[in-house]
Structures are given as C-alpha cells and as structure tokens.
PDB file of N, CA and C in Angstrom:
ATOM      1  N   UNK A   1     -40.572 118.287-125.619  1.00  0.00           N
ATOM      2  CA  UNK A   1     -39.136 118.509-125.600  1.00  0.00           C
ATOM      3  C   UNK A   1     -38.646 118.998-126.954  1.00  0.00           C
ATOM      4  N   UNK A   2     -38.956 118.305-128.018  1.00  0.00           N
ATOM      5  CA  UNK A   2     -38.469 118.685-129.342  1.00  0.00           C
ATOM      6  C   UNK A   2     -39.017 120.031-129.788  1.00  0.00           C
ATOM      7  N   UNK A   3     -40.276 120.311-129.517  1.00  0.00           N
ATOM      8  CA  UNK A   3     -40.858 121.594-129.892  1.00  0.00           C
ATOM      9  C   UNK A   3     -40.178 122.738-129.160  1.00  0.00           C
ATOM     10  N   UNK A   4     -39.912 122.558-127.887  1.00  0.00           N
ATOM     11  CA  UNK A   4     -39.302 123.612-127.076  1.00  0.00           C
ATOM     12  C   UNK A   4     -37.859 123.892-127.457  1.00  0.00           C
ATOM     13  N   UNK A   5     -37.168 122.941-128.037  1.00  0.00           N
ATOM     14  CA  UNK A   5     -35.745 123.119-128.335  1.00  0.00           C
ATOM     15  C   UNK A   5     -35.457 123.420-129.807  1.00  0.00           C
ATOM     16  N   UNK A   6     -36.460 123.515-130.650  1.00  0.00           N
ATOM     17  CA  UNK A   6     -36.225 123.738-132.083  1.00  0.00           C
ATOM     18  C   UNK A   6     -35.538 125.066-132.368  1.00  0.00           C
ATOM     19  N   UNK A   7     -35.800 126.106-131.583  1.00  0.00           N
ATOM     20  CA  UNK A   7     -35.210 127.420-131.851  1.00  0.00           C
ATOM     21  C   UNK A   7     -33.819 127.578-131.239  1.00  0.00           C
ATOM     22  N   UNK A   8     -33.347 126.600-130.517  1.00  0.00           N
ATOM     23  CA  UNK A   8     -32.034 126.682-129.877  1.00  0.00           C
ATOM     24  C   UNK A   8     -30.970 126.269-130.885  1.00  0.00           C
ATOM     25  N   UNK A   9     -29.994 127.153-131.089  1.00  0.00           N
ATOM     26  CA  UNK A   9     -28.939 126.862-132.060  1.00  0.00           C
ATOM     27  C   UNK A   9     -27.650 126.395-131.400  1.00  0.00           C
ATOM     28  N   UNK A  10     -27.552 126.502-130.081  1.00  0.00           N
ATOM     29  CA  UNK A  10     -26.340 126.058-129.387  1.00  0.00           C
ATOM     30  C   UNK A  10     -26.405 124.553-129.133  1.00  0.00           C
ATOM     31  N   UNK A  11     -25.312 124.021-128.642  1.00  0.00           N
ATOM     32  CA  UNK A  11     -25.287 122.607-128.270  1.00  0.00           C
ATOM     33  C   UNK A  11     -26.158 122.393-127.044  1.00  0.00           C
ATOM     34  N   UNK A  12     -26.782 121.228-126.979  1.00  0.00           N
ATOM     35  CA  UNK A  12     -27.589 120.846-125.824  1.00  0.00           C
ATOM     36  C   UNK A  12     -26.793 119.857-124.993  1.00  0.00           C
ATOM     37  N   UNK A  13     -26.789 120.073-123.695  1.00  0.00           N
ATOM     38  CA  UNK A  13     -26.063 119.184-122.792  1.00  0.00           C
ATOM     39  C   UNK A  13     -27.061 118.561-121.828  1.00  0.00           C
ATOM     40  N   UNK A  14     -27.005 117.253-121.705  1.00  0.00           N
ATOM     41  CA  UNK A  14     -27.881 116.534-120.788  1.00  0.00           C
ATOM     42  C   UNK A  14     -27.086 116.188-119.542  1.00  0.00           C
ATOM     43  N   UNK A  15     -27.642 116.532-118.395  1.00  0.00           N
ATOM     44  CA  UNK A  15     -27.015 116.199-117.123  1.00  0.00           C
ATOM     45  C   UNK A  15     -27.930 115.281-116.333  1.00  0.00           C
ATOM     46  N   UNK A  16     -27.328 114.390-115.577  1.00  0.00           N
ATOM     47  CA  UNK A  16     -28.122 113.515-114.714  1.00  0.00           C
ATOM     48  C   UNK A  16     -27.583 113.602-113.296  1.00  0.00           C
ATOM     49  N   UNK A  17     -28.462 113.396-112.347  1.00  0.00           N
ATOM     50  CA  UNK A  17     -28.067 113.418-110.948  1.00  0.00           C
ATOM     51  C   UNK A  17     -28.871 112.353-110.218  1.00  0.00           C
ATOM     52  N   UNK A  18     -28.182 111.455-109.582  1.00  0.00           N
ATOM     53  CA  UNK A  18     -28.841 110.416-108.802  1.00  0.00           C
ATOM     54  C   UNK A  18     -28.851 110.795-107.333  1.00  0.00           C
ATOM     55  N   UNK A  19     -29.890 110.407-106.627  1.00  0.00           N
ATOM     56  CA  UNK A  19     -30.013 110.715-105.205  1.00  0.00           C
ATOM     57  C   UNK A  19     -30.700 109.547-104.515  1.00  0.00           C
ATOM     58  N   UNK A  20     -30.203 109.193-103.349  1.00  0.00           N
ATOM     59  CA  UNK A  20     -30.821 108.138-102.536  1.00  0.00           C
ATOM     60  C   UNK A  20     -31.143 108.692-101.166  1.00  0.00           C
ATOM     61  N   UNK A  21     -32.343 108.421-100.697  1.00  0.00           N
ATOM     62  CA  UNK A  21     -32.745 108.859 -99.366  1.00  0.00           C
ATOM     63  C   UNK A  21     -32.128 107.927 -98.322  1.00  0.00           C
ATOM     64  N   UNK A  22     -32.133 108.339 -97.054  1.00  0.00           N
ATOM     65  CA  UNK A  22     -31.586 107.473 -96.003  1.00  0.00           C
ATOM     66  C   UNK A  22     -32.269 106.102 -95.925  1.00  0.00           C
ATOM     67  N   UNK A  23     -33.529 106.020 -96.365  1.00  0.00           N
ATOM     68  CA  UNK A  23     -34.219 104.723 -96.343  1.00  0.00           C
ATOM     69  C   UNK A  23     -34.147 104.030 -97.708  1.00  0.00           C
ATOM     70  N   UNK A  24     -33.108 104.351 -98.476  1.00  0.00           N
ATOM     71  CA  UNK A  24     -32.725 103.709 -99.748  1.00  0.00           C
ATOM     72  C   UNK A  24     -33.730 103.848-100.892  1.00  0.00           C
ATOM     73  N   UNK A  25     -34.535 104.890-100.881  1.00  0.00           N
ATOM     74  CA  UNK A  25     -35.370 105.193-102.042  1.00  0.00           C
ATOM     75  C   UNK A  25     -34.507 106.032-102.980  1.00  0.00           C
ATOM     76  N   UNK A  26     -34.380 105.601-104.237  1.00  0.00           N
ATOM     77  CA  UNK A  26     -33.490 106.273-105.193  1.00  0.00           C
ATOM     78  C   UNK A  26     -34.274 107.028-106.253  1.00  0.00           C
ATOM     79  N   UNK A  27     -33.714 108.166-106.668  1.00  0.00           N
ATOM     80  CA  UNK A  27     -34.318 108.993-107.702  1.00  0.00           C
ATOM     81  C   UNK A  27     -33.266 109.390-108.721  1.00  0.00           C
ATOM     82  N   UNK A  28     -33.718 109.705-109.922  1.00  0.00           N
ATOM     83  CA  UNK A  28     -32.840 110.177-110.980  1.00  0.00           C
ATOM     84  C   UNK A  28     -33.421 111.468-111.537  1.00  0.00           C
ATOM     85  N   UNK A  29     -32.610 112.513-111.544  1.00  0.00           N
ATOM     86  CA  UNK A  29     -32.995 113.782-112.160  1.00  0.00           C
ATOM     87  C   UNK A  29     -32.309 113.902-113.511  1.00  0.00           C
ATOM     88  N   UNK A  30     -33.057 114.332-114.516  1.00  0.00           N
ATOM     89  CA  UNK A  30     -32.500 114.517-115.859  1.00  0.00           C
ATOM     90  C   UNK A  30     -32.719 115.981-116.244  1.00  0.00           C
ATOM     91  N   UNK A  31     -31.611 116.681-116.539  1.00  0.00           N
ATOM     92  CA  UNK A  31     -31.666 118.097-116.839  1.00  0.00           C
ATOM     93  C   UNK A  31     -31.104 118.382-118.227  1.00  0.00           C
ATOM     94  N   UNK A  32     -31.535 119.489-118.799  1.00  0.00           N
ATOM     95  CA  UNK A  32     -31.024 119.961-120.081  1.00  0.00           C
ATOM     96  C   UNK A  32     -30.393 121.328-119.844  1.00  0.00           C
ATOM     97  N   UNK A  33     -29.167 121.517-120.327  1.00  0.00           N
ATOM     98  CA  UNK A  33     -28.445 122.781-120.179  1.00  0.00           C
ATOM     99  C   UNK A  33     -28.109 123.297-121.571  1.00  0.00           C
ATOM    100  N   UNK A  34     -28.316 124.597-121.794  1.00  0.00           N
ATOM    101  CA  UNK A  34     -28.008 125.173-123.104  1.00  0.00           C
ATOM    102  C   UNK A  34     -27.858 126.687-122.996  1.00  0.00           C
ATOM    103  N   UNK A  35     -27.252 127.273-124.012  1.00  0.00           N
ATOM    104  CA  UNK A  35     -27.049 128.715-124.105  1.00  0.00           C
ATOM    105  C   UNK A  35     -28.018 129.235-125.156  1.00  0.00           C
ATOM    106  N   UNK A  36     -28.799 130.265-124.816  1.00  0.00           N
ATOM    107  CA  UNK A  36     -29.780 130.801-125.758  1.00  0.00           C
ATOM    108  C   UNK A  36     -29.967 132.289-125.504  1.00  0.00           C
ATOM    109  N   UNK A  37     -29.854 133.075-126.542  1.00  0.00           N
ATOM    110  CA  UNK A  37     -30.045 134.529-126.477  1.00  0.00           C
ATOM    111  C   UNK A  37     -29.195 135.169-125.386  1.00  0.00           C
ATOM    112  N   UNK A  38     -27.924 134.769-125.315  1.00  0.00           N
ATOM    113  CA  UNK A  38     -26.981 135.388-124.401  1.00  0.00           C
ATOM    114  C   UNK A  38     -27.028 134.922-122.958  1.00  0.00           C
ATOM    115  N   UNK A  39     -27.776 133.889-122.670  1.00  0.00           N
ATOM    116  CA  UNK A  39     -27.874 133.423-121.281  1.00  0.00           C
ATOM    117  C   UNK A  39     -27.880 131.896-121.226  1.00  0.00           C
ATOM    118  N   UNK A  40     -27.409 131.379-120.098  1.00  0.00           N
ATOM    119  CA  UNK A  40     -27.484 129.935-119.853  1.00  0.00           C
ATOM    120  C   UNK A  40     -28.882 129.596-119.352  1.00  0.00           C
ATOM    121  N   UNK A  41     -29.388 128.480-119.808  1.00  0.00           N
ATOM    122  CA  UNK A  41     -30.708 128.016-119.383  1.00  0.00           C
ATOM    123  C   UNK A  41     -30.596 126.570-118.920  1.00  0.00           C
ATOM    124  N   UNK A  42     -31.452 126.212-117.980  1.00  0.00           N
ATOM    125  CA  UNK A  42     -31.464 124.870-117.414  1.00  0.00           C
ATOM    126  C   UNK A  42     -32.922 124.427-117.303  1.00  0.00           C
ATOM    127  N   UNK A  43     -33.225 123.279-117.849  1.00  0.00           N
ATOM    128  CA  UNK A  43     -34.575 122.726-117.772  1.00  0.00           C
ATOM    129  C   UNK A  43     -34.533 121.360-117.105  1.00  0.00           C
ATOM    130  N   UNK A  44     -35.447 121.125-116.197  1.00  0.00           N
ATOM    131  CA  UNK A  44     -35.593 119.792-115.615  1.00  0.00           C
ATOM    132  C   UNK A  44     -36.503 119.006-116.552  1.00  0.00           C
ATOM    133  N   UNK A  45     -35.966 117.965-117.141  1.00  0.00           N
ATOM    134  CA  UNK A  45     -36.753 117.142-118.057  1.00  0.00           C
ATOM    135  C   UNK A  45     -37.584 116.112-117.310  1.00  0.00           C
ATOM    136  N   UNK A  46     -37.002 115.559-116.240  1.00  0.00           N
ATOM    137  CA  UNK A  46     -37.732 114.547-115.479  1.00  0.00           C
ATOM    138  C   UNK A  46     -37.065 114.319-114.137  1.00  0.00           C
ATOM    139  N   UNK A  47     -37.839 113.864-113.183  1.00  0.00           N
ATOM    140  CA  UNK A  47     -37.365 113.458-111.865  1.00  0.00           C
ATOM    141  C   UNK A  47     -38.137 112.194-111.544  1.00  0.00           C
ATOM    142  N   UNK A  48     -37.453 111.064-111.573  1.00  0.00           N
ATOM    143  CA  UNK A  48     -38.181 109.809-111.478  1.00  0.00           C
ATOM    144  C   UNK A  48     -37.557 108.851-110.477  1.00  0.00           C
ATOM    145  N   UNK A  49     -38.391 107.997-109.905  1.00  0.00           N
ATOM    146  CA  UNK A  49     -37.862 106.994-108.978  1.00  0.00           C
ATOM    147  C   UNK A  49     -37.092 105.925-109.743  1.00  0.00           C
ATOM    148  N   UNK A  50     -36.005 105.479-109.172  1.00  0.00           N
ATOM    149  CA  UNK A  50     -35.209 104.396-109.769  1.00  0.00           C
ATOM    150  C   UNK A  50     -35.555 103.113-109.028  1.00  0.00           C
ATOM    151  N   UNK A  51     -36.345 102.277-109.661  1.00  0.00           N
ATOM    152  CA  UNK A  51     -36.786 101.047-109.010  1.00  0.00           C
ATOM    153  C   UNK A  51     -35.961  99.837-109.431  1.00  0.00           C
ATOM    154  N   UNK A  52     -35.162  99.997-110.495  1.00  0.00           N
ATOM    155  CA  UNK A  52     -34.315  98.893-110.966  1.00  0.00           C
ATOM    156  C   UNK A  52     -32.870  99.180-110.584  1.00  0.00           C
ATOM    157  N   UNK A  53     -31.974  98.282-110.951  1.00  0.00           N
ATOM    158  CA  UNK A  53     -30.557  98.471-110.631  1.00  0.00           C
ATOM    159  C   UNK A  53     -30.023  99.708-111.347  1.00  0.00           C
ATOM    160  N   UNK A  54     -28.938 100.275-110.822  1.00  0.00           N
ATOM    161  CA  UNK A  54     -28.393 101.523-111.344  1.00  0.00           C
ATOM    162  C   UNK A  54     -27.268 101.274-112.353  1.00  0.00           C
ATOM    163  N   UNK A  55     -27.464 100.316-113.224  1.00  0.00           N
ATOM    164  CA  UNK A  55     -26.456 100.011-114.242  1.00  0.00           C
ATOM    165  C   UNK A  55     -26.558 101.023-115.384  1.00  0.00           C
ATOM    166  N   UNK A  56     -25.531 101.076-116.204  1.00  0.00           N
ATOM    167  CA  UNK A  56     -25.550 101.961-117.359  1.00  0.00           C
ATOM    168  C   UNK A  56     -26.702 101.663-118.298  1.00  0.00           C
ATOM    169  N   UNK A  57     -27.041 100.399-118.434  1.00  0.00           N
ATOM    170  CA  UNK A  57     -28.144  99.997-119.315  1.00  0.00           C
ATOM    171  C   UNK A  57     -29.464 100.564-118.799  1.00  0.00           C
ATOM    172  N   UNK A  58     -29.718 100.415-117.515  1.00  0.00           N
ATOM    173  CA  UNK A  58     -30.974 100.905-116.938  1.00  0.00           C
ATOM    174  C   UNK A  58     -31.035 102.427-116.948  1.00  0.00           C
ATOM    175  N   UNK A  59     -29.915 103.093-116.647  1.00  0.00           N
ATOM    176  CA  UNK A  59     -29.888 104.558-116.688  1.00  0.00           C
ATOM    177  C   UNK A  59     -30.160 105.056-118.104  1.00  0.00           C
ATOM    178  N   UNK A  60     -29.577 104.401-119.095  1.00  0.00           N
ATOM    179  CA  UNK A  60     -29.793 104.783-120.491  1.00  0.00           C
ATOM    180  C   UNK A  60     -31.263 104.657-120.869  1.00  0.00           C
ATOM    181  N   UNK A  61     -31.914 103.595-120.438  1.00  0.00           N
ATOM    182  CA  UNK A  61     -33.341 103.403-120.727  1.00  0.00           C
ATOM    183  C   UNK A  61     -34.171 104.539-120.141  1.00  0.00           C
ATOM    184  N   UNK A  62     -33.885 104.907-118.890  1.00  0.00           N
ATOM    185  CA  UNK A  62     -34.653 105.960-118.228  1.00  0.00           C
ATOM    186  C   UNK A  62     -34.414 107.320-118.877  1.00  0.00           C
ATOM    187  N   UNK A  63     -33.173 107.608-119.234  1.00  0.00           N
ATOM    188  CA  UNK A  63     -32.859 108.883-119.887  1.00  0.00           C
ATOM    189  C   UNK A  63     -33.537 108.954-121.252  1.00  0.00           C
ATOM    190  N   UNK A  64     -33.521 107.866-122.006  1.00  0.00           N
ATOM    191  CA  UNK A  64     -34.150 107.839-123.332  1.00  0.00           C
ATOM    192  C   UNK A  64     -35.644 108.128-123.244  1.00  0.00           C
ATOM    193  N   UNK A  65     -36.307 107.692-122.183  1.00  0.00           N
ATOM    194  CA  UNK A  65     -37.736 107.964-122.008  1.00  0.00           C
ATOM    195  C   UNK A  65     -38.008 109.460-121.883  1.00  0.00           C
ATOM    196  N   UNK A  66     -37.057 110.203-121.327  1.00  0.00           N
ATOM    197  CA  UNK A  66     -37.237 111.642-121.115  1.00  0.00           C
ATOM    198  C   UNK A  66     -37.114 112.432-122.406  1.00  0.00           C
ATOM    199  N   UNK A  67     -36.429 111.872-123.369  1.00  0.00           N
ATOM    200  CA  UNK A  67     -36.161 112.604-124.606  1.00  0.00           C
ATOM    201  C   UNK A  67     -37.214 112.306-125.635  1.00  0.00           C
TER     202      UNK A  67
END
C-alpha cells in the first residue's frame, strides 16, 4: 500500500462499504480513492468477512489492518 501510493500527490480518501447476505454473512469492503495524472483512480484494498460486531471500534480495527 505505502509503496504504491508514494507518487500520489493528491489527497487519499478511504471508503468503506458493508454488505450482508440474506443468510446474515457480513463483509466489509475497503477502498482507496484518489486523483492522479488527471484521472480519478479507485483501488480495492481489502474485502473481508466481518465475524465480530459492527461497532466503530471493530470497524476501525479492520480498516487499520488494510493500511
């Protein structure tokens, strides 16, 4: 992650998206959005199962692992 973003001079924006299947399996997607060389770019950093509660504390832990 750090190596790939060293040449980016714009601000980096982290987006998250939670999804639950009909049988209650939950996932969290973590994306990076940035502007580079005249174009918007989007990278998927991680897509992981959420096995713990969906509190801010737990979400923060999972997002920190991706960075």
